[in-house]
Structures are given as structure tokens and as C-alpha cells.
């Protein structure tokens, strides 16, 4: 499919074929080095864009030059909200997220979120939009990180460069993510 689209749009689609899994950061950096636009979107392959989302996110960047990265709300294909932003991790927040992620996401379904954009510490890297000049100032993703928490690291570097991270929940994208089940060994076997 990608080869066919590349043939139709050779000036717009630039694919990098790798012979092994090099991790999230290396493959994304290959693409970031080729990006030519004023704004750069980092979008996972399992994201489904909804109409108007990209335009809204770019408008937010245009409206506030202190924003270094913007992200939409993410929902699973079932319609359930994904917890895609968070506070910078501490031991406590990592344990809480590990043990109670499903409960935290469920609570987001029932609690009315504040209307409008909000500044957050970090956003998962499933869908980011950032100005090119921010990437030029902050640099590429840290390739010493194979997968996770490259998003936490990059957002922290954006904050340290004097920019902010903006979450815009009024626009959404569908994240067709498949989470790994949590396996807990008990005396009776393994529970999921």
C-alpha cells in the first residue's frame, strides 16, 4: 500500500525501509530528518485522524508561540478515552498508573473535563504536532531510548527549552492501540 501511494505521490511520500526493529526513536528520527514543513506531525501508524483535528492543532500553535507541542484527545476504537497525557513520572505516579490505568481512563469518561485546552507535563507520542523551529532547538529524539519513555524525555526537553505542551481535548483521533494484558503470577497460576 505504501509503495503504491509513494508511486502516486513521489514528492510527498518518503518511506524508509529497515531490515530490523530499530525502536521508536531511531525510526522517527529518520523521518524527522526528512521533514520539510513549518510544522511536523509525529503520528503512530495506528492513529485514525478525524476531520478538522490537524487544522485545529496547527491553529493552536499559530495562536500561541510559547506552545512547543500540541496533541489532541485520543480515544480507543471502542470510544473509550485513552489517558494520553500525564504529569511527569515519579515512583508514586508510575505505580499508580501501572495498577490503576483502566480505572483512571474510566473516570475520565464520567468526570466532565474542563472545557478547552490545558497545559500538561507530557503527552504520549502517538500523535504530536510541533513547529519545526522547536525541533531544531530541542533536537531529535534520544536514540538511547528504544521505546518508552521517549515521549516523557522529549516533552521534558521542550519544557526546558522554554516551551509548553498543550492538550486540546475538543478534537480527537482514534488510537487503534492494542495494549498488552497485565499478567500477575498468583499461587493458582497466572491471572490477566
N, C-alpha and C. Protein backbone atom coordinates (compact mmCIF):
# COMPACT_ATOMS: atom_id res chain seq x y z
N UNK A 1 0.84 -1.19 0.00
CA UNK A 1 0.00 0.00 0.00
C UNK A 1 0.88 1.25 0.00
N UNK A 2 1.91 1.24 0.85
CA UNK A 2 2.80 2.40 0.92
C UNK A 2 3.53 2.59 -0.40
N UNK A 3 4.00 1.50 -0.99
CA UNK A 3 4.70 1.61 -2.28
C UNK A 3 3.78 2.19 -3.34
N UNK A 4 2.51 1.78 -3.34
CA UNK A 4 1.55 2.30 -4.32
C UNK A 4 1.35 3.81 -4.14
N UNK A 5 1.15 4.24 -2.90
CA UNK A 5 0.98 5.68 -2.65
C UNK A 5 2.26 6.45 -2.95
N UNK A 6 3.39 5.86 -2.67
CA UNK A 6 4.67 6.50 -2.99
C UNK A 6 4.78 6.71 -4.50
N UNK A 7 4.32 5.72 -5.26
CA UNK A 7 4.32 5.86 -6.72
C UNK A 7 3.39 6.97 -7.19
N UNK A 8 2.27 7.14 -6.52
CA UNK A 8 1.31 8.19 -6.88
C UNK A 8 1.77 9.58 -6.44
N UNK A 9 2.50 9.65 -5.34
CA UNK A 9 2.93 10.93 -4.76
C UNK A 9 4.41 10.88 -4.41
N UNK A 10 5.28 10.73 -5.39
CA UNK A 10 6.72 10.56 -5.08
C UNK A 10 7.36 11.75 -4.39
N UNK A 11 6.81 12.94 -4.57
CA UNK A 11 7.38 14.12 -3.92
C UNK A 11 6.87 14.30 -2.49
N UNK A 12 5.82 13.57 -2.11
CA UNK A 12 5.22 13.76 -0.80
C UNK A 12 5.44 12.61 0.16
N UNK A 13 5.67 11.41 -0.37
CA UNK A 13 5.84 10.23 0.49
C UNK A 13 7.26 9.73 0.38
N UNK A 14 7.94 9.69 1.51
CA UNK A 14 9.32 9.22 1.57
C UNK A 14 9.37 8.12 2.62
N UNK A 15 9.49 6.90 2.16
CA UNK A 15 9.49 5.75 3.08
C UNK A 15 10.92 5.33 3.38
N UNK A 16 11.14 4.87 4.58
CA UNK A 16 12.44 4.32 4.98
C UNK A 16 12.18 2.87 5.37
N UNK A 17 12.76 1.95 4.62
CA UNK A 17 12.57 0.52 4.88
C UNK A 17 13.74 0.01 5.70
N UNK A 18 13.46 -0.52 6.85
CA UNK A 18 14.50 -1.02 7.75
C UNK A 18 14.43 -2.54 7.80
N UNK A 19 15.57 -3.20 7.91
CA UNK A 19 15.60 -4.66 7.91
C UNK A 19 15.40 -5.27 9.30
N UNK A 20 15.29 -4.42 10.32
CA UNK A 20 15.04 -4.91 11.68
C UNK A 20 14.35 -3.81 12.48
N UNK A 21 13.82 -4.20 13.62
CA UNK A 21 13.16 -3.26 14.50
C UNK A 21 14.23 -2.43 15.21
N UNK A 22 14.31 -1.16 14.88
CA UNK A 22 15.32 -0.28 15.46
C UNK A 22 14.77 0.56 16.60
N UNK A 23 13.51 0.34 16.95
CA UNK A 23 12.90 1.09 18.03
C UNK A 23 12.20 2.34 17.55
N UNK A 24 11.44 2.91 18.43
CA UNK A 24 10.64 4.09 18.12
C UNK A 24 11.50 5.30 17.76
N UNK A 25 12.51 5.56 18.54
CA UNK A 25 13.26 6.80 18.37
C UNK A 25 14.07 6.83 17.09
N UNK A 26 14.76 5.76 16.77
CA UNK A 26 15.59 5.74 15.56
C UNK A 26 14.73 5.92 14.31
N UNK A 27 13.65 5.16 14.20
CA UNK A 27 12.81 5.25 13.00
C UNK A 27 12.14 6.62 12.90
N UNK A 28 11.69 7.17 14.00
CA UNK A 28 11.09 8.50 13.94
C UNK A 28 12.12 9.56 13.58
N UNK A 29 13.33 9.41 14.10
CA UNK A 29 14.38 10.38 13.76
C UNK A 29 14.70 10.36 12.27
N UNK A 30 14.65 9.18 11.64
CA UNK A 30 14.86 9.11 10.19
C UNK A 30 13.84 10.00 9.48
N UNK A 31 12.60 9.91 9.91
CA UNK A 31 11.54 10.73 9.30
C UNK A 31 11.69 12.20 9.66
N UNK A 32 12.01 12.49 10.92
CA UNK A 32 12.15 13.89 11.34
C UNK A 32 13.27 14.59 10.56
N UNK A 33 14.32 13.87 10.25
CA UNK A 33 15.43 14.46 9.47
C UNK A 33 14.98 14.82 8.05
N UNK A 34 13.97 14.12 7.52
CA UNK A 34 13.48 14.38 6.17
C UNK A 34 12.35 15.41 6.12
N UNK A 35 11.73 15.67 7.26
CA UNK A 35 10.57 16.58 7.29
C UNK A 35 10.96 17.97 6.81
N UNK A 36 10.10 18.56 6.00
CA UNK A 36 10.41 19.86 5.39
C UNK A 36 9.41 20.96 5.74
N UNK A 37 8.31 20.65 6.35
CA UNK A 37 7.27 21.64 6.59
C UNK A 37 7.55 22.56 7.76
N UNK A 38 6.73 23.57 7.88
CA UNK A 38 6.81 24.51 9.01
C UNK A 38 6.39 23.83 10.30
N UNK A 39 5.47 22.87 10.17
CA UNK A 39 5.00 22.08 11.31
C UNK A 39 5.30 20.62 11.03
N UNK A 40 5.57 19.88 12.09
CA UNK A 40 5.91 18.47 11.98
C UNK A 40 4.90 17.68 12.80
N UNK A 41 4.35 16.64 12.20
CA UNK A 41 3.43 15.75 12.91
C UNK A 41 4.10 14.41 13.13
N UNK A 42 4.06 13.95 14.36
CA UNK A 42 4.50 12.60 14.70
C UNK A 42 3.22 11.83 14.99
N UNK A 43 2.93 10.85 14.13
CA UNK A 43 1.66 10.13 14.23
C UNK A 43 1.92 8.63 14.12
N UNK A 44 1.48 7.88 15.12
CA UNK A 44 1.61 6.43 15.07
C UNK A 44 0.83 5.86 13.89
N UNK A 45 1.25 4.70 13.42
CA UNK A 45 0.60 4.07 12.28
C UNK A 45 -0.81 3.58 12.60
N UNK A 46 -1.14 3.48 13.88
CA UNK A 46 -2.48 3.01 14.26
C UNK A 46 -3.40 4.15 14.69
N UNK A 47 -3.10 5.36 14.23
CA UNK A 47 -3.94 6.53 14.50
C UNK A 47 -4.85 6.78 13.32
N UNK A 48 -6.11 7.06 13.60
CA UNK A 48 -7.09 7.43 12.59
C UNK A 48 -7.47 8.90 12.83
N UNK A 49 -7.14 9.74 11.87
CA UNK A 49 -7.44 11.17 12.01
C UNK A 49 -8.92 11.43 11.82
N UNK A 50 -9.42 12.39 12.55
CA UNK A 50 -10.80 12.86 12.37
C UNK A 50 -10.73 14.23 11.71
N UNK A 51 -11.73 14.53 10.92
CA UNK A 51 -11.77 15.79 10.18
C UNK A 51 -11.61 17.00 11.08
N UNK A 52 -10.75 17.92 10.67
CA UNK A 52 -10.55 19.17 11.38
C UNK A 52 -9.53 19.12 12.50
N UNK A 53 -9.09 17.93 12.88
CA UNK A 53 -8.16 17.80 14.00
C UNK A 53 -6.83 18.49 13.72
N UNK A 54 -6.24 18.17 12.60
CA UNK A 54 -4.92 18.76 12.28
C UNK A 54 -5.01 20.28 12.16
N UNK A 55 -6.04 20.77 11.51
CA UNK A 55 -6.20 22.21 11.36
C UNK A 55 -6.33 22.91 12.70
N UNK A 56 -7.10 22.32 13.61
CA UNK A 56 -7.28 22.90 14.94
C UNK A 56 -5.97 22.94 15.70
N UNK A 57 -5.20 21.85 15.64
CA UNK A 57 -3.93 21.80 16.36
C UNK A 57 -2.95 22.83 15.83
N UNK A 58 -2.88 22.97 14.52
CA UNK A 58 -1.99 23.97 13.93
C UNK A 58 -2.45 25.38 14.30
N UNK A 59 -3.76 25.61 14.32
CA UNK A 59 -4.28 26.91 14.74
C UNK A 59 -3.83 27.25 16.17
N UNK A 60 -3.82 26.25 17.05
CA UNK A 60 -3.38 26.48 18.44
C UNK A 60 -1.92 26.89 18.48
N UNK A 61 -1.10 26.25 17.63
CA UNK A 61 0.32 26.62 17.58
C UNK A 61 0.49 28.02 17.02
N UNK A 62 -0.34 28.38 16.06
CA UNK A 62 -0.28 29.72 15.46
C UNK A 62 -0.69 30.79 16.48
N UNK A 63 -1.66 30.45 17.33
CA UNK A 63 -2.20 31.41 18.30
C UNK A 63 -1.25 31.69 19.46
N UNK A 64 -0.40 30.74 19.79
CA UNK A 64 0.44 30.88 20.98
C UNK A 64 1.84 30.34 20.71
N UNK A 65 2.78 31.23 20.50
CA UNK A 65 4.15 30.84 20.15
C UNK A 65 4.93 30.26 21.33
N UNK A 66 4.33 30.26 22.53
CA UNK A 66 5.01 29.62 23.66
C UNK A 66 4.73 28.12 23.72
N UNK A 67 3.79 27.66 22.88
CA UNK A 67 3.47 26.24 22.84
C UNK A 67 4.47 25.55 21.91
N UNK A 68 5.14 24.53 22.45
CA UNK A 68 6.15 23.82 21.67
C UNK A 68 5.66 22.51 21.11
N UNK A 69 4.54 22.01 21.63
CA UNK A 69 3.98 20.76 21.15
C UNK A 69 2.50 20.76 21.51
N UNK A 70 1.68 20.28 20.59
CA UNK A 70 0.25 20.21 20.83
C UNK A 70 -0.22 18.81 20.47
N UNK A 71 -1.23 18.33 21.21
CA UNK A 71 -1.77 16.99 20.94
C UNK A 71 -3.28 17.01 21.12
N UNK A 72 -3.98 16.13 20.40
CA UNK A 72 -5.44 16.04 20.55
C UNK A 72 -5.80 15.04 21.65
N UNK A 73 -7.09 14.96 21.92
CA UNK A 73 -7.57 13.87 22.75
C UNK A 73 -7.48 12.59 21.94
N UNK A 74 -7.17 11.50 22.60
CA UNK A 74 -7.12 10.19 21.93
C UNK A 74 -8.22 9.31 22.50
N UNK A 75 -8.90 8.60 21.62
CA UNK A 75 -9.90 7.64 22.04
C UNK A 75 -9.58 6.31 21.40
N UNK A 76 -9.91 5.23 22.09
CA UNK A 76 -9.77 3.90 21.52
C UNK A 76 -10.90 3.69 20.51
N UNK A 77 -10.80 2.68 19.68
CA UNK A 77 -11.83 2.39 18.68
C UNK A 77 -13.18 2.16 19.32
N UNK A 78 -13.19 1.69 20.56
CA UNK A 78 -14.45 1.47 21.30
C UNK A 78 -15.12 2.78 21.71
N UNK A 79 -14.38 3.89 21.61
CA UNK A 79 -14.89 5.18 22.05
C UNK A 79 -14.40 5.57 23.43
N UNK A 80 -13.78 4.63 24.13
CA UNK A 80 -13.25 4.90 25.46
C UNK A 80 -12.07 5.86 25.36
N UNK A 81 -11.99 6.84 26.25
CA UNK A 81 -10.92 7.83 26.25
C UNK A 81 -9.61 7.18 26.69
N UNK A 82 -8.54 7.48 25.97
CA UNK A 82 -7.22 6.98 26.36
C UNK A 82 -6.54 8.04 27.21
N UNK A 83 -5.91 7.63 28.29
CA UNK A 83 -5.14 8.55 29.11
C UNK A 83 -3.83 8.79 28.38
N UNK A 84 -3.78 9.88 27.65
CA UNK A 84 -2.65 10.13 26.75
C UNK A 84 -1.77 11.29 27.19
N UNK A 85 -2.10 11.91 28.31
CA UNK A 85 -1.26 12.96 28.89
C UNK A 85 -1.14 12.66 30.37
N UNK A 86 -0.09 13.21 30.96
CA UNK A 86 0.09 12.93 32.39
C UNK A 86 1.09 13.92 32.98
N UNK A 87 1.25 13.82 34.30
CA UNK A 87 2.29 14.56 35.00
C UNK A 87 3.60 13.83 34.78
N UNK A 88 4.71 14.55 34.91
CA UNK A 88 6.00 13.89 34.82
C UNK A 88 6.05 12.78 35.86
N UNK A 89 6.61 11.64 35.50
CA UNK A 89 6.56 10.49 36.39
C UNK A 89 7.44 10.62 37.63
N UNK A 90 6.90 10.08 38.67
CA UNK A 90 7.63 9.85 39.91
C UNK A 90 7.41 8.37 40.23
N UNK A 91 8.04 7.86 41.23
CA UNK A 91 7.80 6.46 41.60
C UNK A 91 6.32 6.26 41.91
N UNK A 92 5.73 7.20 42.64
CA UNK A 92 4.31 7.08 43.01
C UNK A 92 3.41 7.09 41.77
N UNK A 93 3.63 8.03 40.85
CA UNK A 93 2.75 8.09 39.68
C UNK A 93 2.91 6.88 38.78
N UNK A 94 4.11 6.32 38.68
CA UNK A 94 4.32 5.12 37.86
C UNK A 94 3.59 3.92 38.46
N UNK A 95 3.66 3.77 39.77
CA UNK A 95 2.96 2.66 40.43
C UNK A 95 1.45 2.84 40.26
N UNK A 96 0.97 4.05 40.50
CA UNK A 96 -0.46 4.33 40.36
C UNK A 96 -0.95 4.03 38.94
N UNK A 97 -0.19 4.49 37.94
CA UNK A 97 -0.58 4.25 36.54
C UNK A 97 -0.55 2.76 36.21
N UNK A 98 0.45 2.03 36.68
CA UNK A 98 0.55 0.60 36.44
C UNK A 98 -0.64 -0.15 37.04
N UNK A 99 -1.00 0.20 38.25
CA UNK A 99 -2.05 -0.53 38.95
C UNK A 99 -3.46 -0.07 38.58
N UNK A 100 -3.62 1.21 38.25
CA UNK A 100 -4.98 1.76 38.12
C UNK A 100 -5.26 2.44 36.78
N UNK A 101 -4.52 2.13 35.72
CA UNK A 101 -4.72 2.82 34.44
C UNK A 101 -6.15 2.68 33.94
N UNK A 102 -6.70 1.48 33.96
CA UNK A 102 -8.07 1.27 33.46
C UNK A 102 -9.07 2.09 34.26
N UNK A 103 -8.91 2.15 35.58
CA UNK A 103 -9.80 2.93 36.43
C UNK A 103 -9.66 4.41 36.12
N UNK A 104 -8.41 4.87 35.93
CA UNK A 104 -8.17 6.28 35.63
C UNK A 104 -8.83 6.66 34.30
N UNK A 105 -8.71 5.80 33.30
CA UNK A 105 -9.34 6.07 32.00
C UNK A 105 -10.85 6.05 32.12
N UNK A 106 -11.39 5.11 32.90
CA UNK A 106 -12.84 5.03 33.09
C UNK A 106 -13.35 6.30 33.77
N UNK A 107 -12.63 6.78 34.78
CA UNK A 107 -13.04 8.00 35.48
C UNK A 107 -13.06 9.20 34.54
N UNK A 108 -12.17 9.23 33.56
CA UNK A 108 -12.17 10.33 32.59
C UNK A 108 -13.43 10.32 31.76
N UNK A 109 -14.07 9.15 31.62
CA UNK A 109 -15.32 9.04 30.86
C UNK A 109 -16.48 9.69 31.60
N UNK A 110 -16.44 9.62 32.92
CA UNK A 110 -17.58 10.08 33.70
C UNK A 110 -17.40 11.47 34.27
N UNK A 111 -16.17 11.91 34.44
CA UNK A 111 -15.92 13.23 35.00
C UNK A 111 -15.81 14.22 33.84
N UNK A 112 -16.55 15.30 33.92
CA UNK A 112 -16.52 16.32 32.87
C UNK A 112 -15.16 16.98 32.88
N UNK A 113 -14.44 16.89 31.76
CA UNK A 113 -13.13 17.52 31.71
C UNK A 113 -13.30 19.01 31.46
N UNK A 114 -12.37 19.83 31.96
CA UNK A 114 -12.51 21.26 31.76
C UNK A 114 -12.60 21.57 30.28
N UNK A 115 -13.53 22.44 29.93
CA UNK A 115 -13.71 22.77 28.52
C UNK A 115 -12.53 23.55 27.98
N UNK A 116 -11.92 23.01 26.98
CA UNK A 116 -10.84 23.73 26.33
C UNK A 116 -9.47 23.17 26.61
N UNK A 117 -8.50 23.75 25.93
CA UNK A 117 -7.12 23.26 26.04
C UNK A 117 -6.55 23.43 27.44
N UNK A 118 -5.58 22.58 27.76
CA UNK A 118 -4.92 22.64 29.05
C UNK A 118 -3.45 22.29 28.89
N UNK A 119 -2.62 22.96 29.66
CA UNK A 119 -1.20 22.66 29.67
C UNK A 119 -0.98 21.38 30.46
N UNK A 120 -0.12 20.52 29.94
CA UNK A 120 0.19 19.25 30.59
C UNK A 120 1.71 19.09 30.64
N UNK A 121 2.17 18.20 31.50
CA UNK A 121 3.61 17.93 31.57
C UNK A 121 4.09 17.22 30.31
N UNK A 122 3.37 16.14 29.94
CA UNK A 122 3.78 15.43 28.73
C UNK A 122 2.58 14.74 28.09
N UNK A 123 2.76 14.41 26.81
CA UNK A 123 1.76 13.69 26.03
C UNK A 123 2.44 12.48 25.41
N UNK A 124 1.73 11.35 25.37
CA UNK A 124 2.31 10.18 24.72
C UNK A 124 2.53 10.50 23.25
N UNK A 125 3.51 9.86 22.66
CA UNK A 125 3.93 10.24 21.31
C UNK A 125 3.11 9.60 20.21
N UNK A 126 1.89 9.17 20.49
CA UNK A 126 1.03 8.60 19.46
C UNK A 126 0.61 9.65 18.44
N UNK A 127 0.49 10.93 18.87
CA UNK A 127 0.07 12.00 17.96
C UNK A 127 0.54 13.33 18.52
N UNK A 128 1.57 13.87 17.92
CA UNK A 128 2.10 15.18 18.29
C UNK A 128 2.15 16.06 17.05
N UNK A 129 1.99 17.35 17.26
CA UNK A 129 2.28 18.34 16.23
C UNK A 129 3.16 19.40 16.90
N UNK A 130 4.26 19.75 16.24
CA UNK A 130 5.15 20.75 16.79
C UNK A 130 5.74 21.61 15.67
N UNK A 131 6.07 22.84 15.99
CA UNK A 131 6.72 23.69 14.99
C UNK A 131 8.13 23.19 14.71
N UNK A 132 8.55 23.29 13.47
CA UNK A 132 9.90 22.88 13.08
C UNK A 132 10.95 23.56 13.94
N UNK A 133 10.75 24.84 14.23
CA UNK A 133 11.77 25.58 14.99
C UNK A 133 11.95 25.01 16.39
N UNK A 134 10.90 24.38 16.96
CA UNK A 134 11.04 23.74 18.27
C UNK A 134 11.92 22.51 18.14
N UNK A 135 11.68 21.70 17.10
CA UNK A 135 12.52 20.52 16.90
C UNK A 135 13.97 20.94 16.65
N UNK A 136 14.17 22.02 15.90
CA UNK A 136 15.53 22.48 15.63
C UNK A 136 16.22 22.93 16.92
N UNK A 137 15.47 23.50 17.84
CA UNK A 137 16.05 23.94 19.11
C UNK A 137 16.25 22.78 20.09
N UNK A 138 15.28 21.87 20.15
CA UNK A 138 15.32 20.78 21.12
C UNK A 138 16.15 19.60 20.60
N UNK A 139 16.16 19.41 19.31
CA UNK A 139 16.90 18.28 18.72
C UNK A 139 15.98 17.11 18.43
N UNK A 140 16.59 16.02 18.04
CA UNK A 140 15.87 14.80 17.72
C UNK A 140 15.59 14.00 18.98
N UNK A 141 14.85 12.92 18.82
CA UNK A 141 14.58 12.02 19.94
C UNK A 141 15.87 11.32 20.37
N UNK A 142 15.95 10.96 21.62
CA UNK A 142 17.14 10.32 22.17
C UNK A 142 17.15 8.84 21.77
N UNK A 143 18.06 8.46 20.88
CA UNK A 143 18.10 7.10 20.37
C UNK A 143 18.65 6.08 21.37
N UNK A 144 19.10 6.55 22.52
CA UNK A 144 19.47 5.60 23.59
C UNK A 144 18.22 4.98 24.20
N UNK A 145 17.07 5.60 23.94
CA UNK A 145 15.78 5.08 24.41
C UNK A 145 15.16 4.32 23.24
N UNK A 146 15.01 3.01 23.38
CA UNK A 146 14.48 2.17 22.31
C UNK A 146 12.99 2.42 22.12
N UNK A 147 12.26 2.36 23.21
CA UNK A 147 10.81 2.58 23.20
C UNK A 147 10.40 2.94 24.62
N UNK A 148 9.70 4.02 24.77
CA UNK A 148 9.19 4.49 26.05
C UNK A 148 10.31 4.55 27.09
N UNK A 149 10.46 5.61 27.75
CA UNK A 149 9.66 6.82 27.79
C UNK A 149 10.23 7.95 26.93
N UNK A 150 10.41 7.69 25.64
CA UNK A 150 10.94 8.73 24.76
C UNK A 150 10.03 9.96 24.75
N UNK A 151 8.73 9.75 24.94
CA UNK A 151 7.79 10.86 24.96
C UNK A 151 7.98 11.75 26.18
N UNK A 152 8.19 11.14 27.34
CA UNK A 152 8.44 11.90 28.56
C UNK A 152 9.73 12.71 28.41
N UNK A 153 10.78 12.05 27.93
CA UNK A 153 12.07 12.70 27.73
C UNK A 153 11.95 13.90 26.79
N UNK A 154 11.27 13.71 25.66
CA UNK A 154 11.20 14.79 24.67
C UNK A 154 10.36 15.96 25.20
N UNK A 155 9.25 15.66 25.85
CA UNK A 155 8.43 16.74 26.40
C UNK A 155 9.18 17.51 27.49
N UNK A 156 9.94 16.80 28.31
CA UNK A 156 10.75 17.48 29.33
C UNK A 156 11.76 18.41 28.66
N UNK A 157 12.38 17.97 27.59
CA UNK A 157 13.33 18.81 26.86
C UNK A 157 12.65 20.03 26.24
N UNK A 158 11.40 19.87 25.80
CA UNK A 158 10.63 21.00 25.27
C UNK A 158 10.39 22.02 26.38
N UNK A 159 9.96 21.54 27.55
CA UNK A 159 9.74 22.45 28.69
C UNK A 159 11.04 23.17 29.05
N UNK A 160 12.15 22.43 29.10
CA UNK A 160 13.44 23.04 29.46
C UNK A 160 13.89 24.08 28.44
N UNK A 161 13.44 23.95 27.21
CA UNK A 161 13.78 24.92 26.16
C UNK A 161 12.89 26.16 26.23
N UNK A 162 11.96 26.19 27.19
CA UNK A 162 11.12 27.38 27.37
C UNK A 162 9.77 27.32 26.69
N UNK A 163 9.36 26.14 26.22
CA UNK A 163 8.06 25.98 25.57
C UNK A 163 7.14 25.15 26.47
N UNK A 164 5.87 25.08 26.08
CA UNK A 164 4.88 24.35 26.86
C UNK A 164 4.22 23.27 26.00
N UNK A 165 3.56 22.32 26.66
CA UNK A 165 2.85 21.22 25.99
C UNK A 165 1.35 21.49 26.17
N UNK A 166 0.62 21.54 25.06
CA UNK A 166 -0.81 21.86 25.09
C UNK A 166 -1.64 20.66 24.66
N UNK A 167 -2.56 20.27 25.51
CA UNK A 167 -3.52 19.19 25.24
C UNK A 167 -4.82 19.83 24.81
N UNK A 168 -5.36 19.42 23.65
CA UNK A 168 -6.58 20.01 23.09
C UNK A 168 -7.64 18.90 23.00
N UNK A 169 -8.42 18.69 24.08
CA UNK A 169 -9.35 17.56 24.09
C UNK A 169 -10.59 17.74 23.23
N UNK A 170 -10.85 18.96 22.75
CA UNK A 170 -12.06 19.14 21.93
C UNK A 170 -11.91 18.56 20.53
N UNK A 171 -10.70 18.21 20.13
CA UNK A 171 -10.51 17.46 18.88
C UNK A 171 -9.90 16.12 19.24
N UNK A 172 -10.25 15.11 18.48
CA UNK A 172 -9.83 13.75 18.82
C UNK A 172 -9.28 13.01 17.61
N UNK A 173 -8.53 11.97 17.93
CA UNK A 173 -8.08 10.99 16.95
C UNK A 173 -8.33 9.62 17.57
N UNK A 174 -8.61 8.64 16.72
CA UNK A 174 -8.84 7.29 17.20
C UNK A 174 -7.50 6.56 17.22
N UNK A 175 -7.17 5.97 18.36
CA UNK A 175 -5.93 5.22 18.52
C UNK A 175 -6.30 3.74 18.58
N UNK A 176 -5.99 3.04 17.50
CA UNK A 176 -6.32 1.62 17.42
C UNK A 176 -5.23 0.80 18.11
N UNK A 177 -4.88 1.20 19.31
CA UNK A 177 -3.79 0.56 20.06
C UNK A 177 -4.27 -0.75 20.65
N UNK A 178 -3.35 -1.66 20.69
CA UNK A 178 -3.62 -2.93 21.37
C UNK A 178 -2.67 -3.02 22.54
N UNK A 179 -3.21 -2.84 23.73
CA UNK A 179 -2.37 -2.92 24.92
C UNK A 179 -2.08 -4.37 25.27
N UNK A 180 -0.94 -4.59 25.86
CA UNK A 180 -0.60 -5.93 26.33
C UNK A 180 -1.32 -6.19 27.63
N UNK A 181 -1.89 -7.38 27.78
CA UNK A 181 -2.56 -7.66 29.06
C UNK A 181 -1.53 -7.73 30.18
N UNK A 182 -1.95 -7.32 31.34
CA UNK A 182 -1.08 -7.38 32.52
C UNK A 182 -1.20 -8.78 33.09
N UNK A 183 -0.07 -9.44 33.24
CA UNK A 183 -0.07 -10.79 33.78
C UNK A 183 0.48 -10.75 35.21
N UNK A 184 -0.26 -11.34 36.12
CA UNK A 184 0.14 -11.38 37.52
C UNK A 184 0.22 -12.84 37.93
N UNK A 185 1.38 -13.25 38.42
CA UNK A 185 1.55 -14.63 38.87
C UNK A 185 0.99 -14.74 40.29
N UNK A 186 0.08 -15.68 40.43
CA UNK A 186 -0.51 -15.95 41.74
C UNK A 186 -0.21 -17.40 42.11
N UNK A 187 -0.59 -17.80 43.34
CA UNK A 187 -0.38 -19.18 43.75
C UNK A 187 -1.11 -20.16 42.83
N UNK A 188 -2.23 -19.73 42.30
CA UNK A 188 -3.04 -20.63 41.46
C UNK A 188 -2.67 -20.58 39.99
N UNK A 189 -1.71 -19.78 39.59
CA UNK A 189 -1.34 -19.69 38.18
C UNK A 189 -1.15 -18.24 37.77
N UNK A 190 -1.52 -17.93 36.54
CA UNK A 190 -1.36 -16.57 36.01
C UNK A 190 -2.73 -15.99 35.74
N UNK A 191 -3.00 -14.82 36.28
CA UNK A 191 -4.24 -14.09 36.02
C UNK A 191 -3.95 -12.95 35.08
N UNK A 192 -4.91 -12.61 34.22
CA UNK A 192 -4.75 -11.45 33.35
C UNK A 192 -5.76 -10.39 33.73
